[in-house]
């Protein structure tokens, strides 16, 4: 088989270490395209999102049958609510594979290829084996760049879907070449955010990591060099990217640490972070957004001096409105110990205090520079009624101490096969259901509303927003970035991806969004 024409169908992904739901584009489509072009620059690679496909599915199926290879990206491991797009459903992926069978080769990549897609009763609604049965020729569970280069060079008989690269340096060329695929994304030229890979895995793989998490399953963490990241940013910037997030890692603070891969709790390396952030700023001098994703609160609590310096480096080079997502998961010490979680409630509280001390100053776009984001998981092994009381008391402490957090994510455990939580007694069971609902109600209707008033008080001017969705006479807009504030604007219906230079907050719209009105930038001081 000689590959001449390939199409990538992006069904989106959402993982602990990576986001590909619009306005984000994750590494998968870029690495696939870059690997193919590394092998043969004459290969035509087209890109399509699942939302574009849904607009005319059978027209696209007919077109796909004319390609030599269809690559499908899918897999939501940490589900959320999305404004910019709706991830592919298990049924959709199965139907597409069946429709393409016997017409063209198909390859499934992303979490769906490794662990399945959709979750019902504690197991995947559709397993990888079911996707194979539906017609997927390849389930790519290894490194995309290795497999697709082998597929283009050696053919389907010799290509290894499980193969891993020997060195991160092998990724540099495919990452650079694949950067131009962003031009085909529907958010290109507007609010497109490019997710950047910094390292793979979690430092806590030494002790097995958190019981529910897939990151330790990737093995010993290995880091990408600053030069490789900066070279990719330079290429992306050249092709028009202006918004970036340093994601694809479990804890940005330990990027560049000599202890990464050897110690469970490596010290942050402010100099390592400075090198990569400074390099990105030089490579993309006109960037509009530079944000981060995950921070391990246990790192901050154990290494407060180094963490504070590392956070200062981030605030020096990033753009305001940034969020450090903290995996607290539970405020119950017994549940934390049973699940080998990364922090105690006391440590998480100290981490929040430190991040506030460095990042709570308000920036030019109207938001504080860097705030924590909190993650809670309901249904962890060992939960009890007391767990939910402790969770609520933790949030009440934040309000009492006037500490700011940008957002609180509350989700139910999605037990992935191969994780320890999958083999343990888990889930919100019996009498705990009422406690889970009560806690969720408190977060959404009490805590979120009060915190939003503090983070984005009435009169705040937010700058540089893009309209993402309209319902009736209300349009929803956000700034590009990590967990941006959703802004509801009443009145005239605006086209998607309309740019708003500035809006003034006039109140709350809901517990998770504010109500605002557009203002002339000439009237903004």
Protein backbone atom coordinates (compact mmCIF):
# COMPACT_ATOMS: atom_id res chain seq x y z
CA UNK A 1 0.00 0.00 0.00
CA UNK A 2 1.33 3.40 -0.98
CA UNK A 3 -0.23 6.30 0.87
CA UNK A 4 -1.17 9.17 -1.39
CA UNK A 5 -4.23 10.63 0.36
CA UNK A 6 -4.97 10.53 4.11
CA UNK A 7 -7.78 12.18 6.06
CA UNK A 8 -7.78 12.77 9.81
CA UNK A 9 -11.18 12.76 11.51
CA UNK A 10 -10.76 14.49 14.85
CA UNK A 11 -13.35 13.15 17.29
CA UNK A 12 -11.58 15.09 20.06
CA UNK A 13 -9.90 13.88 23.24
CA UNK A 14 -9.92 14.96 26.88
CA UNK A 15 -7.30 13.33 29.12
CA UNK A 16 -5.49 14.14 32.38
CA UNK A 17 -2.57 15.31 30.26
CA UNK A 18 -4.14 16.66 27.09
CA UNK A 19 -7.17 18.45 25.63
CA UNK A 20 -8.31 18.43 22.03
CA UNK A 21 -11.88 19.77 22.17
CA UNK A 22 -12.25 23.06 20.25
CA UNK A 23 -11.01 25.69 20.54
CA UNK A 24 -8.09 23.37 21.42
CA UNK A 25 -6.16 21.27 18.96
CA UNK A 26 -4.11 18.56 20.65
CA UNK A 27 -0.96 16.78 19.53
CA UNK A 28 -2.66 13.82 17.81
CA UNK A 29 -3.53 15.39 14.42
CA UNK A 30 -0.25 17.29 14.32
CA UNK A 31 1.89 14.24 15.05
CA UNK A 32 -0.01 12.06 12.57
CA UNK A 33 0.36 14.62 9.78
CA UNK A 34 3.98 15.33 10.67
CA UNK A 35 4.95 11.66 10.68
CA UNK A 36 3.37 11.10 7.27
CA UNK A 37 5.10 14.18 5.83
CA UNK A 38 8.39 13.09 7.41
CA UNK A 39 8.14 9.88 5.42
CA UNK A 40 6.84 11.43 2.20
CA UNK A 41 6.19 15.14 1.69
CA UNK A 42 3.96 14.39 -1.31
CA UNK A 43 1.24 12.72 0.81
CA UNK A 44 -1.93 14.79 0.91
CA UNK A 45 -3.23 15.03 4.48
CA UNK A 46 -6.67 16.52 5.10
CA UNK A 47 -8.20 17.35 8.47
CA UNK A 48 -11.85 17.25 9.53
CA UNK A 49 -13.55 17.63 12.92
CA UNK A 50 -16.39 15.42 14.10
CA UNK A 51 -18.65 18.48 14.24
CA UNK A 52 -17.95 19.23 10.58
CA UNK A 53 -18.60 15.57 9.77
CA UNK A 54 -21.97 15.66 11.55
CA UNK A 55 -23.17 18.46 9.27
CA UNK A 56 -23.21 16.04 6.29
CA UNK A 57 -22.20 12.53 7.43
CA UNK A 58 -22.98 10.49 4.32
CA UNK A 59 -21.36 13.03 2.03
CA UNK A 60 -18.21 12.74 4.13
CA UNK A 61 -18.40 8.92 4.24
CA UNK A 62 -18.48 8.90 0.43
CA UNK A 63 -15.44 11.17 0.31
CA UNK A 64 -13.57 9.17 2.94
CA UNK A 65 -13.93 6.02 0.88
CA UNK A 66 -11.72 7.65 -1.76
CA UNK A 67 -8.80 8.07 0.68
CA UNK A 68 -6.07 5.49 1.23
CA UNK A 69 -6.29 5.89 5.01
CA UNK A 70 -8.76 7.38 7.48
CA UNK A 71 -7.32 8.23 10.91
CA UNK A 72 -9.92 8.62 13.68
CA UNK A 73 -9.01 10.41 16.92
CA UNK A 74 -11.28 9.70 19.90
CA UNK A 75 -11.28 9.29 23.65
CA UNK A 76 -12.61 11.21 26.64
CA UNK A 77 -11.06 10.06 29.92
CA UNK A 78 -11.97 13.10 32.03
CA UNK A 79 -15.33 14.23 30.61
CA UNK A 80 -16.53 17.78 30.97
CA UNK A 81 -19.03 20.22 29.51
CA UNK A 82 -17.88 21.84 26.28
CA UNK A 83 -18.86 25.00 24.42
CA UNK A 84 -16.64 24.63 21.38
CA UNK A 85 -17.50 21.10 20.25
CA UNK A 86 -19.00 17.74 21.16
CA UNK A 87 -16.65 14.74 21.35
CA UNK A 88 -17.36 11.67 19.24
CA UNK A 89 -19.81 9.20 20.75
CA UNK A 90 -19.09 5.44 20.76
CA UNK A 91 -22.00 4.82 18.40
CA UNK A 92 -20.66 7.36 15.90
CA UNK A 93 -17.18 5.82 15.79
CA UNK A 94 -18.62 2.33 15.33
CA UNK A 95 -20.90 3.47 12.50
CA UNK A 96 -18.06 5.27 10.71
CA UNK A 97 -15.78 2.24 10.96
CA UNK A 98 -18.49 -0.08 9.63
CA UNK A 99 -19.27 2.29 6.76
CA UNK A 100 -15.59 2.44 5.75
CA UNK A 101 -14.85 -1.27 6.11
CA UNK A 102 -13.74 -2.88 2.83
CA UNK A 103 -13.34 0.58 1.27
CA UNK A 104 -10.20 1.96 2.89
CA UNK A 105 -7.76 1.41 5.72
CA UNK A 106 -8.73 2.89 9.09
CA UNK A 107 -6.61 3.67 12.15
CA UNK A 108 -8.01 4.55 15.58
CA UNK A 109 -5.80 6.70 17.84
CA UNK A 110 -6.20 8.32 21.23
CA UNK A 111 -7.60 6.90 24.50
CA UNK A 112 -10.31 4.99 22.61
CA UNK A 113 -7.65 2.78 21.03
CA UNK A 114 -6.08 1.93 24.39
CA UNK A 115 -9.00 1.82 26.81
CA UNK A 116 -12.25 2.11 24.89
CA UNK A 117 -14.86 4.83 24.64
CA UNK A 118 -17.86 5.75 26.76
CA UNK A 119 -18.51 4.30 30.18
CA UNK A 120 -21.47 2.32 31.46
CA UNK A 121 -21.64 0.47 34.76
CA UNK A 122 -17.93 0.80 35.47
CA UNK A 123 -16.65 -0.46 32.12
CA UNK A 124 -16.16 0.97 28.62
CA UNK A 125 -19.35 1.10 26.56
CA UNK A 126 -17.25 0.10 23.55
CA UNK A 127 -13.96 -1.72 24.09
CA UNK A 128 -10.93 -1.55 21.80
CA UNK A 129 -11.77 -5.09 20.68
CA UNK A 130 -15.22 -3.91 19.60
CA UNK A 131 -13.68 -1.18 17.47
CA UNK A 132 -11.43 -3.80 15.89
CA UNK A 133 -14.47 -5.97 15.16
CA UNK A 134 -16.27 -2.98 13.62
CA UNK A 135 -13.49 -2.61 11.08
CA UNK A 136 -10.56 -0.67 12.57
CA UNK A 137 -7.44 -1.99 10.83
CA UNK A 138 -5.08 -0.41 13.37
CA UNK A 139 -5.50 0.45 17.05
CA UNK A 140 -2.53 2.73 17.63
CA UNK A 141 -1.47 2.41 21.26
CA UNK A 142 2.19 3.37 20.82
CA UNK A 143 3.79 6.60 19.64
CA UNK A 144 1.95 8.05 16.67
CA UNK A 145 5.06 9.41 15.00
CA UNK A 146 6.72 5.98 14.97
CA UNK A 147 3.72 4.06 13.67
CA UNK A 148 2.66 6.44 10.90
CA UNK A 149 6.23 6.86 9.63
CA UNK A 150 6.52 3.07 9.47
CA UNK A 151 3.13 2.79 7.79
CA UNK A 152 4.09 5.29 5.09
CA UNK A 153 7.56 3.84 4.62
CA UNK A 154 7.21 0.09 5.14
CA UNK A 155 3.50 -0.59 4.59
CA UNK A 156 0.78 -2.07 6.83
CA UNK A 157 2.46 -5.46 7.22
CA UNK A 158 5.53 -4.03 8.96
CA UNK A 159 4.09 -1.01 10.77
CA UNK A 160 3.87 -1.52 14.56
CA UNK A 161 0.89 0.17 16.28
CA UNK A 162 2.42 -0.50 19.71
CA UNK A 163 5.94 0.78 18.99
CA UNK A 164 7.59 3.45 21.14
CA UNK A 165 10.21 5.95 20.07
CA UNK A 166 13.67 5.49 21.57
CA UNK A 167 14.21 9.20 22.22
CA UNK A 168 12.06 12.32 22.44
CA UNK A 169 14.37 13.89 19.87
CA UNK A 170 12.75 11.65 17.23
CA UNK A 171 9.56 13.67 17.73
CA UNK A 172 11.05 17.06 16.82
CA UNK A 173 10.89 16.73 13.04
CA UNK A 174 7.31 15.31 12.89
CA UNK A 175 6.12 17.93 15.39
CA UNK A 176 7.57 20.74 13.27
CA UNK A 177 6.28 19.37 9.95
CA UNK A 178 2.84 18.62 11.37
CA UNK A 179 2.37 22.17 12.62
CA UNK A 180 0.82 23.35 9.34
CA UNK A 181 -2.20 21.07 9.76
CA UNK A 182 -3.60 23.72 12.14
CA UNK A 183 -4.57 25.79 9.08
CA UNK A 184 -7.37 23.30 8.41
CA UNK A 185 -8.93 23.63 11.87
CA UNK A 186 -12.26 25.55 11.86
CA UNK A 187 -10.99 27.80 14.70
CA UNK A 188 -7.84 28.74 12.79
CA UNK A 189 -7.41 32.50 12.55
CA UNK A 190 -9.69 33.02 15.54
CA UNK A 191 -9.43 31.47 19.01
CA UNK A 192 -7.53 28.27 18.20
CA UNK A 193 -5.38 27.10 21.15
CA UNK A 194 -2.49 24.74 20.51
CA UNK A 195 -1.74 22.15 23.20
CA UNK A 196 2.02 21.59 23.57
CA UNK A 197 3.67 18.44 24.92
CA UNK A 198 6.32 18.99 27.59
CA UNK A 199 6.83 15.52 29.03
CA UNK A 200 5.15 12.14 29.26
CA UNK A 201 3.98 10.35 32.37
CA UNK A 202 3.85 11.25 36.05
CA UNK A 203 6.70 11.54 38.56
CA UNK A 204 4.62 9.52 41.00
CA UNK A 205 4.81 6.40 38.84
CA UNK A 206 7.54 5.45 41.36
CA UNK A 207 4.80 4.63 43.88
CA UNK A 208 2.15 3.69 41.33
CA UNK A 209 0.50 7.11 41.26
CA UNK A 210 -3.15 7.84 42.01
CA UNK A 211 -5.36 4.74 41.88
CA UNK A 212 -7.60 6.03 39.08
CA UNK A 213 -5.09 7.78 36.81
CA UNK A 214 -3.76 6.57 33.45
CA UNK A 215 -0.65 8.79 33.45
CA UNK A 216 1.48 6.39 35.59
CA UNK A 217 0.61 3.65 33.09
CA UNK A 218 2.85 5.43 30.58
CA UNK A 219 5.90 4.35 32.59
CA UNK A 220 8.93 6.30 33.71
CA UNK A 221 8.36 9.99 32.91
CA UNK A 222 10.59 11.42 30.22
CA UNK A 223 10.87 15.09 29.31
CA UNK A 224 11.13 16.80 25.97
CA UNK A 225 14.02 19.23 25.53
CA UNK A 226 13.34 22.97 25.61
CA UNK A 227 14.93 23.28 22.15
CA UNK A 228 12.43 20.79 20.71
CA UNK A 229 9.43 22.56 22.26
CA UNK A 230 10.66 25.97 21.13
CA UNK A 231 11.33 24.73 17.58
CA UNK A 232 7.76 23.44 17.36
CA UNK A 233 6.35 26.72 18.71
CA UNK A 234 8.40 28.62 16.12
CA UNK A 235 6.89 26.50 13.34
CA UNK A 236 3.35 26.80 14.74
CA UNK A 237 3.76 30.56 15.04
CA UNK A 238 4.96 30.73 11.46
CA UNK A 239 1.77 28.93 10.38
CA UNK A 240 -0.42 31.38 12.31
CA UNK A 241 -0.80 29.99 15.85
CA UNK A 242 -1.11 32.71 18.48
CA UNK A 243 -2.52 30.86 21.51
CA UNK A 244 -0.54 28.14 23.31
CA UNK A 245 -0.89 25.97 26.39
CA UNK A 246 1.91 23.96 27.96
CA UNK A 247 -0.05 20.83 28.75
CA UNK A 248 0.53 17.13 28.14
CA UNK A 249 2.13 16.70 31.58
CA UNK A 250 1.14 15.87 35.14
CA UNK A 251 2.96 18.76 36.84
CA UNK A 252 4.48 21.67 34.93
CA UNK A 253 6.51 22.75 37.97
CA UNK A 254 8.83 19.72 37.71
CA UNK A 255 9.53 20.16 34.01
CA UNK A 256 13.31 20.35 33.70
CA UNK A 257 13.89 18.92 37.18
CA UNK A 258 16.93 16.58 37.44
CA UNK A 259 14.81 14.37 39.70
CA UNK A 260 12.04 13.76 37.14
CA UNK A 261 11.96 10.05 36.38
CA UNK A 262 14.03 9.17 39.47
CA UNK A 263 12.12 10.62 42.42
CA UNK A 264 8.46 10.61 43.41
CA UNK A 265 8.67 14.24 44.53
CA UNK A 266 11.33 15.99 42.42
CA UNK A 267 12.12 19.61 43.22
CA UNK A 268 10.88 22.21 40.74
CA UNK A 269 13.48 23.70 38.43
CA UNK A 270 12.88 27.44 37.98
CA UNK A 271 15.83 27.62 35.58
CA UNK A 272 14.43 24.82 33.44
CA UNK A 273 11.07 26.54 33.24
CA UNK A 274 12.69 29.87 32.44
CA UNK A 275 14.56 28.34 29.54
CA UNK A 276 11.42 26.96 27.89
CA UNK A 277 9.18 29.98 28.63
CA UNK A 278 11.83 32.46 27.52
CA UNK A 279 12.42 30.40 24.36
CA UNK A 280 8.71 30.36 23.52
CA UNK A 281 8.48 34.13 23.95
CA UNK A 282 11.43 34.60 21.58
CA UNK A 283 10.03 32.16 19.01
CA UNK A 284 6.52 33.65 19.13
CA UNK A 285 6.98 37.36 19.92
CA UNK A 286 3.38 38.26 19.05
CA UNK A 287 1.66 35.43 20.88
CA UNK A 288 -1.66 36.30 22.53
CA UNK A 289 -2.01 33.46 25.04
CA UNK A 290 0.57 31.38 26.88
CA UNK A 291 -0.93 29.25 29.65
CA UNK A 292 -0.21 26.10 31.63
CA UNK A 293 -2.31 23.17 32.82
CA UNK A 294 -1.58 20.75 35.66
CA UNK A 295 0.29 21.51 38.88
CA UNK A 296 0.72 18.90 41.61
CA UNK A 297 -0.24 20.53 44.94
CA UNK A 298 1.99 18.00 46.70
CA UNK A 299 5.00 19.45 44.89
CA UNK A 300 4.15 22.97 46.06
CA UNK A 301 3.62 21.85 49.66
CA UNK A 302 6.82 19.75 49.82
CA UNK A 303 9.04 22.25 48.02
CA UNK A 304 7.54 25.67 48.82
CA UNK A 305 10.66 27.75 48.14
CA UNK A 306 11.44 26.23 44.74
CA UNK A 307 7.74 26.13 43.82
CA UNK A 308 7.30 29.80 44.60
CA UNK A 309 10.27 30.69 42.38
CA UNK A 310 8.95 28.45 39.59
CA UNK A 311 5.52 30.08 39.82
CA UNK A 312 7.17 33.51 39.60
CA UNK A 313 8.88 32.44 36.37
CA UNK A 314 5.53 31.37 34.91
CA UNK A 315 3.87 34.66 35.88
CA UNK A 316 6.80 36.59 34.36
CA UNK A 317 6.42 35.02 30.92
CA UNK A 318 2.83 33.79 30.58
CA UNK A 319 -0.33 35.80 29.88
CA UNK A 320 -2.96 36.63 32.55
CA UNK A 321 -6.04 34.49 33.16
CA UNK A 322 -3.92 31.37 33.62
CA UNK A 323 -5.02 28.39 35.74
CA UNK A 324 -2.95 25.84 37.65
CA UNK A 325 -5.21 22.76 37.79
CA UNK A 326 -4.72 21.01 41.14
CA UNK A 327 -5.71 17.36 41.58
CA UNK A 328 -7.03 17.43 45.13
CA UNK A 329 -9.72 14.80 44.25
CA UNK A 330 -10.92 14.48 47.87
CA UNK A 331 -10.53 16.27 51.20
CA UNK A 332 -10.91 12.98 53.08
CA UNK A 333 -7.46 11.85 54.35
CA UNK A 334 -8.58 8.20 54.60
CA UNK A 335 -9.72 8.13 50.97
CA UNK A 336 -6.51 9.91 49.93
CA UNK A 337 -4.34 7.28 51.63
CA UNK A 338 -6.33 4.34 50.25
CA UNK A 339 -6.04 5.69 46.70
CA UNK A 340 -2.41 6.86 47.01
CA UNK A 341 -3.44 10.40 46.08
CA UNK A 342 -0.86 13.12 45.64
CA UNK A 343 -1.75 15.37 48.56
CA UNK A 344 -3.48 15.83 51.88
CA UNK A 345 -6.12 18.54 52.38
CA UNK A 346 -3.66 20.54 54.50
CA UNK A 347 -0.99 20.37 51.78
CA UNK A 348 -3.50 21.37 49.10
CA UNK A 349 -4.60 24.34 51.19
CA UNK A 350 -0.99 25.47 51.58
CA UNK A 351 -0.45 25.10 47.82
CA UNK A 352 -3.49 27.28 47.15
CA UNK A 353 -2.17 29.93 49.54
CA UNK A 354 1.22 29.98 47.78
CA UNK A 355 -0.29 30.19 44.28
CA UNK A 356 -2.56 33.03 45.42
CA UNK A 357 0.40 34.92 46.89
CA UNK A 358 2.20 34.79 43.54
CA UNK A 359 -0.58 34.93 40.97
CA UNK A 360 -3.65 36.76 42.30
CA UNK A 361 -2.61 40.21 41.00
CA UNK A 362 -4.94 41.28 38.16
CA UNK A 363 -3.53 41.46 34.63
CA UNK A 364 -4.23 43.48 31.52
CA UNK A 365 -7.01 41.23 30.19
CA UNK A 366 -9.07 41.78 33.35
CA UNK A 367 -8.30 38.51 35.15
CA UNK A 368 -5.85 37.56 37.90
CA UNK A 369 -2.55 36.32 36.50
CA UNK A 370 -2.57 32.76 37.87
CA UNK A 371 -5.16 31.06 40.05
CA UNK A 372 -5.60 27.45 41.17
CA UNK A 373 -8.29 25.23 39.73
CA UNK A 374 -9.59 22.36 41.87
CA UNK A 375 -10.56 18.84 40.83
CA UNK A 376 -12.83 16.59 42.89
CA UNK A 377 -13.66 12.98 41.97
CA UNK A 378 -16.77 11.36 43.42
CA UNK A 379 -16.97 7.61 43.81
CA UNK A 380 -13.36 6.89 44.75
CA UNK A 381 -12.75 3.61 46.63
CA UNK A 382 -13.25 4.07 50.36
CA UNK A 383 -15.68 6.98 50.21
CA UNK A 384 -18.12 7.49 53.08
CA UNK A 385 -20.67 10.10 54.13
CA UNK A 386 -17.91 11.88 56.05
CA UNK A 387 -16.03 12.38 52.76
CA UNK A 388 -18.61 14.79 51.43
CA UNK A 389 -18.73 16.79 54.65
CA UNK A 390 -14.94 17.17 54.53
CA UNK A 391 -15.06 18.21 50.86
CA UNK A 392 -17.56 20.95 51.65
CA UNK A 393 -15.62 22.14 54.70
CA UNK A 394 -12.49 22.43 52.56
CA UNK A 395 -14.26 24.79 50.16
CA UNK A 396 -15.75 26.75 53.04
CA UNK A 397 -12.22 27.28 54.36
CA UNK A 398 -11.21 28.85 51.04
CA UNK A 399 -14.08 31.32 51.27
CA UNK A 400 -13.28 32.09 54.90
CA UNK A 401 -9.61 32.79 54.10
CA UNK A 402 -10.49 34.88 51.03
CA UNK A 403 -8.48 32.58 48.79
CA UNK A 404 -9.27 32.63 45.08
CA UNK A 405 -9.73 29.63 42.81
CA UNK A 406 -10.71 29.95 39.20
CA UNK A 407 -12.93 26.88 38.96
CA UNK A 408 -13.94 23.64 40.67
CA UNK A 409 -14.41 20.51 38.57
CA UNK A 410 -16.61 17.81 40.09
CA UNK A 411 -16.81 14.54 38.20
CA UNK A 412 -17.61 10.96 38.95
CA UNK A 413 -14.94 8.31 38.79
CA UNK A 414 -14.41 6.81 35.35
CA UNK A 415 -12.64 3.54 36.23
CA UNK A 416 -10.25 2.79 33.39
CA UNK A 417 -9.24 -0.86 32.96
CA UNK A 418 -5.62 -1.41 34.05
CA UNK A 419 -5.89 1.16 36.85
CA UNK A 420 -6.01 0.01 40.47
CA UNK A 421 -9.32 1.79 41.12
CA UNK A 422 -10.93 -0.41 38.45
CA UNK A 423 -10.14 -3.47 40.58
CA UNK A 424 -11.33 -1.87 43.83
CA UNK A 425 -14.84 -1.28 45.13
CA UNK A 426 -15.73 2.09 43.65
CA UNK A 427 -18.64 4.27 42.62
CA UNK A 428 -21.23 6.39 44.40
CA UNK A 429 -23.32 3.68 45.99
CA UNK A 430 -26.57 3.52 47.95
CA UNK A 431 -26.91 6.17 50.64
CA UNK A 432 -23.88 8.07 49.33
CA UNK A 433 -25.87 9.21 46.31
CA UNK A 434 -27.74 11.85 48.30
CA UNK A 435 -24.47 13.12 49.79
CA UNK A 436 -22.89 13.34 46.32
CA UNK A 437 -25.87 15.29 44.98
CA UNK A 438 -25.86 17.61 47.98
CA UNK A 439 -22.13 18.35 47.59
CA UNK A 440 -22.47 18.97 43.87
CA UNK A 441 -25.41 21.32 44.50
CA UNK A 442 -23.37 23.24 47.07
CA UNK A 443 -20.45 23.62 44.64
CA UNK A 444 -22.56 24.79 41.72
CA UNK A 445 -25.14 26.96 43.52
CA UNK A 446 -23.23 28.34 46.49
CA UNK A 447 -19.45 28.10 46.17
CA UNK A 448 -19.15 28.75 42.43
CA UNK A 449 -21.40 31.80 42.56
CA UNK A 450 -19.57 33.38 45.46
CA UNK A 451 -16.14 32.63 44.02
CA UNK A 452 -17.08 34.01 40.62
CA UNK A 453 -18.18 37.26 42.28
CA UNK A 454 -14.73 37.53 43.82
CA UNK A 455 -12.69 36.56 40.75
CA UNK A 456 -14.75 38.61 38.28
CA UNK A 457 -16.60 41.30 40.25
CA UNK A 458 -19.23 43.54 38.71
CA UNK A 459 -17.57 46.26 36.64
CA UNK A 460 -14.59 44.13 35.57
CA UNK A 461 -13.58 44.76 31.96
CA UNK A 462 -12.56 41.56 30.15
CA UNK A 463 -10.61 41.93 26.92
CA UNK A 464 -10.15 39.76 23.85
CA UNK A 465 -13.12 37.36 23.74
CA UNK A 466 -14.51 35.15 20.99
CA UNK A 467 -18.13 34.08 20.59
CA UNK A 468 -18.38 30.29 20.77
CA UNK A 469 -22.09 29.51 20.94
CA UNK A 470 -25.51 31.20 20.80
CA UNK A 471 -28.79 29.97 22.25
CA UNK A 472 -31.83 32.12 21.57
CA UNK A 473 -30.92 35.73 22.29
CA UNK A 474 -27.92 34.83 24.47
CA UNK A 475 -24.42 34.34 23.08
CA UNK A 476 -21.55 32.84 25.04
CA UNK A 477 -18.02 34.14 24.59
CA UNK A 478 -14.67 33.35 26.19
CA UNK A 479 -11.06 34.45 26.11
CA UNK A 480 -8.64 31.84 24.72
CA UNK A 481 -6.91 30.03 27.57
CA UNK A 482 -6.99 27.46 30.35
CA UNK A 483 -10.51 27.25 31.81
CA UNK A 484 -11.59 30.71 30.67
CA UNK A 485 -14.57 32.50 32.21
CA UNK A 486 -17.76 31.98 30.22
CA UNK A 487 -19.40 35.31 29.43
CA UNK A 488 -23.09 35.52 28.53
CA UNK A 489 -24.13 38.43 26.33
CA UNK A 490 -27.82 39.16 25.82
CA UNK A 491 -29.27 40.92 22.83
CA UNK A 492 -28.32 40.55 19.18
CA UNK A 493 -27.30 37.12 17.95
CA UNK A 494 -23.62 37.07 17.01
CA UNK A 495 -21.89 34.74 14.57
CA UNK A 496 -19.62 32.06 16.01
CA UNK A 497 -16.01 33.21 16.30
CA UNK A 498 -16.99 36.87 16.38
CA UNK A 499 -14.26 38.83 18.14
CA UNK A 500 -15.18 41.10 21.04
CA UNK A 501 -12.50 43.60 22.02
CA UNK A 502 -13.89 44.27 25.50
CA UNK A 503 -16.92 43.52 27.64
CA UNK A 504 -17.94 44.85 31.04
CA UNK A 505 -19.29 42.42 33.66
CA UNK A 506 -22.71 43.48 34.96
CA UNK A 507 -23.51 40.47 37.17
CA UNK A 508 -23.76 36.69 37.34
CA UNK A 509 -25.51 34.69 34.64
CA UNK A 510 -25.16 31.35 36.44
CA UNK A 511 -22.85 29.73 38.93
CA UNK A 512 -20.28 29.23 36.18
CA UNK A 513 -20.75 32.24 33.93
CA UNK A 514 -21.05 36.02 34.18
CA UNK A 515 -23.35 38.41 32.38
CA UNK A 516 -21.63 41.18 30.45
CA UNK A 517 -22.21 43.83 27.82
CA UNK A 518 -19.86 44.84 25.00
CA UNK A 519 -18.09 48.15 25.47
CA UNK A 520 -16.15 50.32 23.08
CA UNK A 521 -12.42 49.96 23.62
CA UNK A 522 -12.24 53.72 23.30
CA UNK A 523 -14.14 53.97 26.61
CA UNK A 524 -11.95 51.48 28.46
CA UNK A 525 -9.11 52.80 30.60
